[in-house]
Protein backbone atom coordinates (compact mmCIF):
# COMPACT_ATOMS: atom_id res chain seq x y z
CA MET A 1 60.93 74.45 165.27
CA ALA A 2 57.95 75.39 163.10
CA VAL A 3 58.66 79.09 163.71
CA GLU A 4 62.31 78.65 162.72
CA ILE A 5 61.42 76.70 159.57
CA ALA A 6 58.96 79.40 158.56
CA ALA A 7 61.56 82.15 159.16
CA ARG A 8 64.16 80.38 157.05
CA LEU A 9 61.65 79.76 154.28
CA ARG A 10 60.74 83.45 154.26
CA ALA A 11 64.43 84.36 154.11
CA THR A 12 64.96 82.00 151.18
CA ILE A 13 62.03 83.50 149.28
CA ARG A 14 63.23 87.01 150.09
CA GLY A 15 66.71 86.15 148.77
CA LEU A 16 65.23 84.82 145.54
CA GLU A 17 63.20 88.01 145.12
CA ILE A 18 66.30 90.16 145.68
CA TRP A 19 68.24 88.17 143.09
CA GLN A 20 65.49 88.38 140.47
CA ALA A 21 64.96 92.11 140.99
CA HIS A 22 68.62 93.10 141.34
CA PRO A 23 69.73 95.70 138.77
CA TYR A 24 73.15 94.10 138.18
CA ARG A 25 73.74 92.96 134.61
CA ARG A 26 77.06 91.63 133.38
CA ALA A 27 78.64 94.30 131.19
CA VAL A 28 82.13 93.09 130.35
CA ASP A 29 83.79 93.93 127.04
CA GLU A 30 84.93 90.65 125.50
CA PRO A 31 88.38 90.52 123.94
CA PRO A 32 88.70 89.81 120.22
CA ALA A 33 88.44 86.27 118.89
CA LEU A 34 91.56 84.95 117.17
CA TRP A 35 89.71 81.97 115.74
CA ALA A 36 86.20 80.59 115.54
CA GLU A 37 84.78 77.27 114.41
CA GLY A 38 81.19 76.17 114.90
CA ALA A 39 80.11 77.50 118.28
CA ALA A 40 83.66 77.80 119.64
CA ARG A 41 85.87 80.90 119.80
CA LEU A 42 89.41 81.56 121.01
CA LEU A 43 89.38 84.85 122.94
CA ASP A 44 92.63 86.80 123.32
CA TYR A 45 92.98 88.32 126.79
CA GLY A 46 96.32 89.76 125.76
CA ALA A 47 94.23 92.35 123.91
CA THR A 48 92.36 93.57 127.01
CA PRO A 49 93.12 96.94 128.65
CA GLU A 50 94.48 95.09 131.68
CA ALA A 51 97.14 93.22 129.69
CA ARG A 52 100.71 94.17 130.56
CA ASP A 53 102.25 92.47 127.54
CA PRO A 54 99.96 91.83 124.53
CA ALA A 55 102.64 89.53 123.08
CA GLY A 56 103.36 87.73 126.36
CA PRO A 57 103.68 83.98 126.73
CA PRO A 58 100.38 82.39 125.66
CA VAL A 59 98.38 80.24 128.03
CA LEU A 60 95.61 78.14 126.49
CA VAL A 61 92.70 78.14 128.96
CA ILE A 62 90.20 75.26 128.71
CA PRO A 63 86.98 75.65 130.74
CA SER A 64 84.24 73.15 131.46
CA LEU A 65 81.78 72.13 128.78
CA ILE A 66 78.90 72.18 131.28
CA ASN A 67 78.84 75.89 132.18
CA ARG A 68 79.62 79.13 130.40
CA ALA A 69 83.32 79.95 130.06
CA TYR A 70 82.93 83.49 131.40
CA VAL A 71 83.13 82.34 135.01
CA LEU A 72 86.85 82.89 134.44
CA ASP A 73 86.06 86.52 133.52
CA LEU A 74 82.99 87.07 135.64
CA ARG A 75 83.21 90.79 136.36
CA PRO A 76 85.79 93.46 137.30
CA GLY A 77 87.84 92.24 140.24
CA ARG A 78 86.58 88.69 139.74
CA SER A 79 88.48 87.76 136.59
CA LEU A 80 91.27 85.21 136.74
CA LEU A 81 92.03 85.81 133.05
CA ARG A 82 92.45 89.58 133.34
CA TRP A 83 94.47 89.11 136.52
CA LEU A 84 96.90 86.82 134.66
CA ALA A 85 97.02 89.22 131.71
CA ALA A 86 97.90 92.09 134.06
CA ARG A 87 100.94 90.08 135.17
CA GLY A 88 102.38 89.49 131.73
CA ALA A 89 100.70 86.29 130.55
CA ARG A 90 98.54 86.10 127.42
CA PRO A 91 95.51 83.97 128.33
CA LEU A 92 93.66 82.51 125.35
CA LEU A 93 90.23 81.31 126.41
CA LEU A 94 88.67 78.46 124.46
CA ASP A 95 85.01 79.46 124.77
CA TRP A 96 83.04 76.38 123.69
CA GLY A 97 79.77 78.27 123.25
CA ALA A 98 76.45 76.42 123.17
CA PRO A 99 76.66 73.38 120.86
CA GLY A 100 75.04 73.94 117.50
CA PRO A 101 74.61 71.87 114.33
CA ALA A 102 78.39 71.61 113.83
CA GLU A 103 78.86 69.99 117.25
CA ARG A 104 75.69 67.92 117.57
CA ALA A 105 77.51 64.58 117.07
CA PHE A 106 80.63 65.59 119.05
CA ASP A 107 81.93 63.31 121.76
CA LEU A 108 84.92 64.39 123.86
CA GLU A 109 87.27 62.92 121.28
CA ALA A 110 85.79 65.21 118.62
CA TYR A 111 86.02 68.22 120.92
CA GLY A 112 89.68 67.37 121.40
CA THR A 113 90.58 66.98 117.75
CA GLU A 114 88.27 69.63 116.27
CA ARG A 115 88.45 72.33 118.94
CA VAL A 116 91.30 71.85 121.43
CA LEU A 117 94.09 70.95 118.99
CA PRO A 118 93.37 73.85 116.58
CA ALA A 119 93.27 76.28 119.52
CA LEU A 120 96.51 74.82 120.84
CA GLU A 121 98.14 75.20 117.43
CA ILE A 122 97.21 78.91 117.37
CA ALA A 123 98.65 79.35 120.86
CA ARG A 124 101.86 77.66 119.74
CA ARG A 125 102.23 79.93 116.72
CA LEU A 126 101.76 82.99 118.91
CA GLY A 127 104.40 81.65 121.28
CA GLY A 128 106.99 81.05 118.58
CA GLY A 129 106.11 77.47 117.66
CA GLY A 130 107.16 75.62 120.80
CA PRO A 131 105.06 74.01 123.53
CA VAL A 132 102.84 76.33 125.55
CA ALA A 133 101.21 76.40 128.96
CA VAL A 134 97.72 74.94 129.33
CA LEU A 135 95.32 75.78 132.17
CA GLY A 136 92.08 73.87 132.65
CA TYR A 137 89.16 74.43 135.03
CA CYS A 138 86.68 71.74 136.19
CA MET A 139 86.22 69.11 133.45
CA GLY A 140 88.34 71.41 131.29
CA GLY A 141 91.16 70.54 133.67
CA THR A 142 90.60 66.85 133.01
CA LEU A 143 90.71 67.54 129.27
CA SER A 144 93.86 69.63 129.73
CA ALA A 145 95.60 66.81 131.56
CA ALA A 146 94.52 64.43 128.81
CA VAL A 147 96.03 66.72 126.15
CA ALA A 148 99.29 66.92 128.12
CA ALA A 149 99.35 63.12 128.36
CA ARG A 150 98.53 62.41 124.74
CA ARG A 151 100.59 65.27 123.24
CA PRO A 152 103.42 65.97 125.68
CA ASP A 153 105.31 67.66 122.84
CA LEU A 154 102.76 70.49 122.78
CA VAL A 155 102.43 71.34 126.50
CA ALA A 156 105.14 73.21 128.39
CA ARG A 157 103.31 73.61 131.71
CA LEU A 158 100.02 72.26 133.00
CA VAL A 159 97.64 73.77 135.56
CA THR A 160 94.37 72.17 136.57
CA ILE A 161 91.85 73.77 138.94
CA GLY A 162 89.10 71.58 140.39
CA ALA A 163 89.67 68.82 137.83
CA PRO A 164 88.01 65.47 138.64
CA TRP A 165 90.08 62.40 137.78
CA HIS A 166 89.24 59.33 139.87
CA PHE A 167 85.52 58.58 140.28
CA ALA A 168 85.66 55.47 142.46
CA SER A 169 84.65 57.28 145.66
CA THR A 170 81.15 56.64 147.00
CA GLU A 171 81.46 59.25 149.76
CA GLY A 172 78.74 61.83 150.16
CA ILE A 173 75.49 62.22 148.26
CA SER A 174 77.13 62.43 144.81
CA GLY A 175 79.22 59.32 145.55
CA GLY A 176 76.11 57.46 146.65
CA PHE A 177 74.36 58.55 143.46
CA ARG A 178 77.25 57.12 141.41
CA ALA A 179 76.99 53.86 143.33
CA ILE A 180 73.28 53.60 142.55
CA LEU A 181 73.87 54.19 138.85
CA ARG A 182 76.65 51.61 138.79
CA ALA A 183 74.37 49.07 140.40
CA GLN A 184 71.75 49.67 137.72
CA GLY A 185 74.33 49.35 134.95
CA PRO A 186 75.55 51.97 132.48
CA ALA A 187 73.27 50.81 129.65
CA ARG A 188 70.20 52.45 131.20
CA LEU A 189 71.90 55.84 131.52
CA GLU A 190 73.32 55.57 127.99
CA ALA A 191 69.85 54.92 126.61
CA MET A 192 68.41 57.90 128.50
CA LEU A 193 71.11 60.25 127.20
CA GLU A 194 70.63 59.01 123.66
CA ALA A 195 66.87 59.59 123.91
CA MET A 196 67.43 63.12 125.21
CA GLY A 197 69.79 63.82 122.33
CA GLN A 198 67.25 62.63 119.80
CA ALA A 199 64.39 64.54 121.41
CA PHE A 200 66.12 67.85 122.14
CA GLY A 201 69.22 67.82 119.93
CA ALA A 202 71.39 67.81 123.09
CA VAL A 203 71.19 66.88 126.75
CA PRO A 204 69.29 69.76 128.45
CA VAL A 205 70.84 72.04 131.01
CA SER A 206 68.19 70.96 133.53
CA LEU A 207 69.73 67.48 133.81
CA PHE A 208 73.06 68.87 134.98
CA GLN A 209 71.39 71.36 137.29
CA MET A 210 69.52 68.47 138.87
CA LEU A 211 72.77 66.51 139.30
CA PHE A 212 74.47 69.50 140.92
CA ALA A 213 71.50 69.84 143.27
CA PHE A 214 72.05 66.22 144.35
CA VAL A 215 75.55 67.15 145.55
CA ASN A 216 74.24 69.58 148.19
CA PRO A 217 70.42 69.59 148.38
CA ILE A 218 70.12 72.46 150.87
CA GLN A 219 72.75 74.71 149.32
CA ALA A 220 70.25 76.80 147.35
CA ALA A 221 68.14 77.58 150.39
CA VAL A 222 71.15 78.50 152.52
CA LYS A 223 72.78 80.76 149.93
CA PHE A 224 69.59 82.73 149.23
CA GLN A 225 69.07 83.16 152.96
CA ARG A 226 72.55 84.70 153.02
CA LEU A 227 71.64 87.10 150.20
CA ALA A 228 68.58 88.20 152.18
CA ARG A 229 70.91 89.32 154.97
CA LEU A 230 73.13 91.44 152.68
CA ASP A 231 72.70 95.05 151.67
CA PRO A 232 71.53 94.73 148.02
CA ALA A 233 73.81 97.65 147.08
CA SER A 234 76.92 96.03 148.57
CA VAL A 235 79.80 94.55 146.61
CA GLU A 236 79.05 91.20 148.26
CA ALA A 237 75.48 91.25 146.94
CA MET A 238 76.68 92.20 143.46
CA ASP A 239 79.20 89.34 143.49
CA PHE A 240 76.44 86.96 144.59
CA VAL A 241 74.09 88.07 141.81
CA ALA A 242 76.85 87.89 139.18
CA LEU A 243 77.66 84.33 140.16
CA GLU A 244 74.04 83.26 140.43
CA ASP A 245 73.31 84.72 136.99
CA TRP A 246 76.21 82.66 135.61
CA LEU A 247 74.92 79.49 137.28
CA ALA A 248 71.50 80.05 135.72
CA ASP A 249 73.05 80.66 132.30
CA GLY A 250 73.95 77.06 131.59
CA VAL A 251 74.43 75.36 128.25
CA PRO A 252 73.26 71.96 127.00
CA MET A 253 75.76 69.24 126.19
CA THR A 254 75.84 67.00 123.16
CA ALA A 255 74.58 63.49 123.92
CA PRO A 256 77.88 61.77 122.96
CA ALA A 257 79.91 64.12 125.19
CA ALA A 258 77.42 63.66 128.05
CA ARG A 259 77.77 59.91 127.66
CA ASP A 260 81.56 60.22 127.97
CA LEU A 261 81.22 62.41 131.05
CA LEU A 262 78.45 60.59 132.91
CA VAL A 263 79.05 57.01 131.83
CA ASP A 264 82.71 56.55 130.90
CA TRP A 265 84.02 58.97 133.54
CA GLN A 266 81.53 58.89 136.39
CA ILE A 267 80.21 55.32 136.19
CA ARG A 268 82.93 53.26 134.51
CA ASP A 269 85.78 55.36 135.98
CA LEU A 270 87.82 54.91 132.79
CA VAL A 271 89.92 58.06 133.29
CA ALA A 272 91.88 56.98 136.36
CA ALA A 273 92.06 53.42 135.03
CA GLY A 274 93.94 54.65 131.95
CA GLN A 275 91.24 53.27 129.65
CA TRP A 276 89.56 56.47 128.47
CA PRO A 277 90.40 57.10 124.78
CA PHE A 278 91.27 60.66 123.79
CA LEU A 279 93.16 61.99 120.78
CA GLY A 280 93.47 58.51 119.34
CA ALA A 281 94.54 56.37 122.30
CA PRO A 282 93.89 55.77 126.03
CA VAL A 283 95.03 58.53 128.38
CA ASP A 284 97.88 57.71 130.77
CA ALA A 285 98.64 60.58 133.16
CA GLY A 286 102.04 59.00 133.79
CA ALA A 287 103.00 60.10 130.28
CA ILE A 288 102.75 63.80 131.22
CA ARG A 289 106.24 65.27 131.07
CA ALA A 290 105.42 68.92 131.70
CA PRO A 291 105.69 70.41 135.19
CA ALA A 292 102.15 70.36 136.59
CA LEU A 293 100.30 72.28 139.28
CA ILE A 294 97.12 70.58 140.52
CA VAL A 295 94.76 72.84 142.50
CA ALA A 296 92.17 70.85 144.45
CA GLY A 297 89.92 72.73 146.87
CA ARG A 298 89.48 71.23 150.32
CA ASN A 299 85.84 72.37 150.34
CA ASP A 300 85.08 71.42 146.75
CA THR A 301 81.86 69.41 146.51
CA ILE A 302 81.90 69.08 142.68
CA ALA A 303 85.42 67.65 142.45
CA PRO A 304 86.17 66.79 146.11
CA PRO A 305 89.64 65.63 147.18
CA PRO A 306 88.98 61.90 146.53
CA LEU A 307 88.20 62.80 142.90
CA ALA A 308 90.80 65.53 142.30
CA ASP A 309 93.86 64.56 144.39
CA PRO A 310 94.65 61.33 142.47
CA LEU A 311 95.58 63.35 139.37
CA ALA A 312 98.53 64.83 141.27
CA ARG A 313 99.69 61.36 142.29
CA ALA A 314 99.40 60.09 138.72
CA ILE A 315 101.59 62.80 137.14
CA PRO A 316 105.34 62.31 137.65
CA ARG A 317 106.23 66.01 138.13
CA ALA A 318 103.06 67.33 139.75
CA ARG A 319 102.70 69.66 142.69
CA LEU A 320 99.41 69.59 144.61
CA ILE A 321 97.98 72.56 146.49
CA ARG A 322 94.76 72.30 148.44
CA PRO A 323 93.31 75.75 149.22
CA ALA A 324 90.48 76.03 151.73
CA THR A 325 87.96 76.96 149.05
CA GLY A 326 85.09 75.43 147.12
CA HIS A 327 84.84 74.54 143.46
CA VAL A 328 83.68 77.89 142.09
CA GLY A 329 85.37 79.77 144.91
CA MET A 330 88.76 78.77 143.52
CA VAL A 331 88.21 81.03 140.50
CA VAL A 332 85.85 83.80 141.70
CA GLY A 333 85.79 83.68 145.51
CA SER A 334 87.07 86.48 147.73
CA HIS A 335 90.05 84.33 148.74
CA ALA A 336 90.80 83.16 145.19
CA PRO A 337 93.47 85.80 144.39
CA ALA A 338 95.62 84.93 147.40
CA ARG A 339 94.99 81.19 147.60
CA VAL A 340 94.74 80.21 143.93
CA TRP A 341 95.48 82.96 141.41
CA ARG A 342 98.82 83.94 142.97
CA PRO A 343 100.35 80.43 143.05
CA VAL A 344 98.96 79.73 139.58
CA GLY A 345 100.48 82.94 138.21
CA ALA A 346 103.83 82.20 139.84
CA PHE A 347 103.85 78.65 138.48
CA LEU A 348 103.06 79.79 134.94
CA ALA A 349 105.87 82.33 135.14
CA GLY A 350 108.30 79.70 136.47
CA ARG A 351 108.65 81.39 139.84
CA PRO A 352 108.20 79.93 143.34
CA ALA A 353 104.73 80.68 144.75
């Protein structure tokens, strides 16, 4: 056993060394920004070389606030946005950026009114003034569903990928962690987040990295052992490094938004209860009138089925698909084009998958 432990430790260290020394650097030409406010930009993927129709039907894409938006445009061959653009859609990515002075006091309500609604209005103008499709990934999917519920007049179609909704589950390590925090009471976590905001201007990236590590404590060791077994010059190794670079390139979150996410969502479970206020009133998923496609990965550990599936049950016209993929794998994995991108593209175009 000692020999095996030592071998795996060496493989983990070797994988880390390969990652740190790998020559890959992301070199992707960003599309032009149609609008910018504070740290946020609205990037037009209809203007990329891959786009089939630069004036195609707009799709407002809302990513997570926790990680960089470019996971949806990671690198050639691993870009959901360019794939959609090549099939006639006009993806408009709301890139939140890293929060600066303009966003320091933003909670999720402010992000909705000051960032999402203006971006949605631009998408509507480009589409002729009517409702448009909205696609959200991770907590951006939760925000997208909230927009569709609060402003059903603005959303023609809704897609969420890996969007958490119901946080009651205590399954697994992350569920147990939620249970511990609930037992201690939300006030302690609120005070900690407020102190971080005052000390650092925002909640540091390291807090969220620590929380993700709680979900699967041995994941880092296993994945770097896998890299050690790959040819560093292979496409698989390049994909690994690109994704790992993205994971390491996190952004802080404003203290009020972190409080909404970690206390009101995770601890109080206000979203599924219909008590979370957004765009001026509590969110009721039953008010969503747009056709909806909910993509919930069977192997997702960030938004596992007990957290993601209830959104599909709460929306009157929702269709649920459950690909055998993980959270990030749904947008950049080798099986993502067949299992996720293709049904998403068909749904947005109004075709059967």
